[in-house]
Protein backbone atom coordinates (compact mmCIF):
# COMPACT_ATOMS: atom_id res chain seq x y z
CA MET A 1 184.86 19.61 126.17
CA LYS A 2 181.96 16.88 125.92
CA LYS A 3 178.91 17.52 127.70
CA LYS A 4 178.11 14.21 129.01
CA ASN A 5 173.83 13.10 128.18
CA ASN A 6 172.54 11.13 130.85
CA GLY A 7 169.01 12.10 130.12
CA GLY A 8 169.50 9.12 127.18
CA LEU A 9 169.79 6.26 129.79
CA PHE A 10 166.86 7.87 131.46
CA TRP A 11 164.35 8.17 128.61
CA TRP A 12 165.52 4.61 127.47
CA VAL A 13 164.73 2.79 130.69
CA LEU A 14 161.58 4.91 131.05
CA GLY A 15 160.55 3.67 127.38
CA ILE A 16 160.93 0.27 128.22
CA LEU A 17 159.22 0.14 131.37
CA PHE A 18 156.31 2.02 129.77
CA VAL A 19 156.34 -1.00 127.06
CA VAL A 20 156.41 -3.57 129.53
CA TYR A 21 153.41 -1.78 131.68
CA LEU A 22 151.31 -1.69 127.89
CA GLY A 23 152.13 -5.58 127.48
CA TYR A 24 151.15 -6.54 130.60
CA LEU A 25 148.03 -4.20 131.09
CA MET A 26 146.77 -5.65 127.56
CA ALA A 27 146.95 -9.17 128.97
CA LEU A 28 145.20 -8.11 132.23
CA GLU A 29 142.46 -6.15 130.00
CA SER A 30 141.91 -8.58 127.67
CA GLY A 31 140.94 -11.33 130.15
CA TYR A 32 143.41 -13.77 128.61
CA TYR A 33 143.66 -15.42 132.06
CA HIS A 34 140.54 -15.23 132.85
CA SER A 35 139.05 -17.31 130.08
CA LYS A 36 141.68 -19.83 130.43
CA VAL A 37 139.92 -20.57 133.79
CA GLU A 38 136.35 -20.44 132.73
CA GLN A 39 137.12 -22.75 129.86
CA LYS A 40 138.09 -25.33 132.57
CA THR A 41 134.73 -24.56 134.08
CA ILE A 42 132.46 -25.51 131.18
CA LEU A 43 130.38 -28.34 131.65
CA THR A 44 131.02 -31.63 129.59
CA GLU A 45 128.72 -33.78 128.02
CA GLU A 46 129.30 -36.55 130.61
CA LYS A 47 128.14 -33.83 133.31
CA ILE A 48 124.98 -32.74 131.69
CA GLU A 49 124.00 -36.21 130.87
CA GLU A 50 124.32 -37.15 134.39
CA PHE A 51 122.50 -33.90 135.39
CA GLU A 52 119.83 -34.81 133.19
CA GLU A 53 119.44 -38.42 134.55
CA ASP A 54 119.33 -36.95 138.21
CA ILE A 55 116.29 -34.69 136.95
CA LYS A 56 114.33 -37.90 135.85
CA ASN A 57 115.12 -39.55 139.07
CA GLY A 58 114.01 -36.88 141.55
CA LYS A 59 117.55 -36.33 142.99
CA GLU A 60 118.74 -33.19 145.15
CA LEU A 61 120.73 -31.22 142.68
CA ASP A 62 123.72 -29.31 143.66
CA ILE A 63 126.07 -27.14 140.75
CA LYS A 64 128.89 -28.27 142.86
CA ASP A 65 128.27 -31.92 141.51
CA TYR A 66 128.48 -31.17 137.79
CA VAL A 67 131.06 -28.40 137.62
CA VAL A 68 134.45 -29.40 137.60
CA SER A 69 137.09 -26.69 138.50
CA ASP A 70 140.47 -27.09 138.54
CA TYR A 71 141.54 -23.76 139.59
CA LYS A 72 145.42 -23.13 140.18
CA ASP A 73 146.89 -19.86 141.28
CA TYR A 74 150.10 -19.37 139.32
CA SER A 75 150.41 -15.59 140.26
CA SER A 76 153.57 -14.73 142.44
CA PRO A 77 154.61 -11.72 144.89
CA LEU A 78 156.37 -10.80 141.36
CA SER A 79 153.19 -10.76 139.52
CA LYS A 80 150.85 -9.28 141.93
CA ALA A 81 153.75 -6.03 142.72
CA GLY A 82 153.58 -5.73 138.63
CA GLN A 83 149.47 -5.76 138.53
CA LYS A 84 149.57 -3.04 141.59
CA ILE A 85 152.45 -0.54 139.86
CA SER A 86 150.32 -1.15 136.46
CA LEU A 87 147.00 -0.21 138.43
CA GLY A 88 148.83 2.97 139.89
CA VAL A 89 150.15 3.80 136.75
CA GLU A 90 146.87 4.06 135.28
CA ASN A 91 145.10 5.44 138.07
CA PHE A 92 147.97 8.32 137.81
CA ILE A 93 147.79 8.96 134.04
CA THR A 94 143.96 8.99 134.12
CA LYS A 95 143.89 11.54 136.99
CA GLY A 96 146.70 13.35 135.25
CA ILE A 97 144.92 13.97 131.65
CA GLY A 98 141.94 14.72 133.61
CA GLU A 99 143.87 17.53 135.55
CA PHE A 100 145.38 18.53 132.02
CA VAL A 101 142.11 18.75 130.54
CA SER A 102 140.55 20.75 133.32
CA VAL A 103 143.08 22.84 133.09
CA VAL A 104 142.90 23.52 129.53
CA SER A 105 139.30 23.98 129.65
CA LYS A 106 139.82 26.73 132.32
CA LEU A 107 141.94 28.67 130.04
CA PHE A 108 139.59 28.64 126.72
CA THR A 109 136.49 29.37 129.04
């Protein structure tokens, strides 16, 4: 009789989830989304000229008058859940490796 191999499917699913986790973590850690938002808040040449003119005229200055920010929150409940899951897995792995190193170091000392 042939033995069923149900463990193969488990490892495939686990591998796919791990690859998705790594991709999401790289996008988060590389600061891709953060840099895109920051690019929109850079002072333009017109705003710099307006700022210099206001200094010459002695007007009261407020940074909100010169910085244009078109922040749009594109996060969804799914992306927020993915971020929470990835941070949880990252913490779990970090603690697991720390415990493993601790156990191994106790064995050799």
